[in-house]
Amino acid sequence: MLLFRHSALTFNGHRIHYDRVYATQVEGYPGLVVHGPLIATLLLDLLHRNEPHAEVAAFSFKALRPTFDLHPFAVHGRREGGSVRLWAQDHEGWLTMDAQATLR
């Protein structure tokens, strides 16, 4: 349901995010593809929950590997001076997204 709602909220009509039959039988994916921008939002949420008063001056992210809805994935972060490195990993430990938040 979250993938469908995120698709609607962001006007992303690509069916790989909400139509399992299309994603698996037409596109050949093992499951629904989790939106990269949704994972990036979850990374920023992790930063906000752990450092609620931090002000983000810049944020960049790069998707490295698809994330599918079949298994849980994890988001992580580590403070590195005036910035925070953030990343997501799939259930097998593969790095799926790498991000950097520069703080004010």
Foldseek 3Di string as FASTA:
>chain_A
DVQVVVCVVVVPPDCLRPPFCCVCVVVNDPGRWRDPVVVVVVQVVVVCVVPVPWAFPDKDKDFDATEHPPFDKDKDWDDDDQKIWIFIAYPVRDTGMTMMTGTD
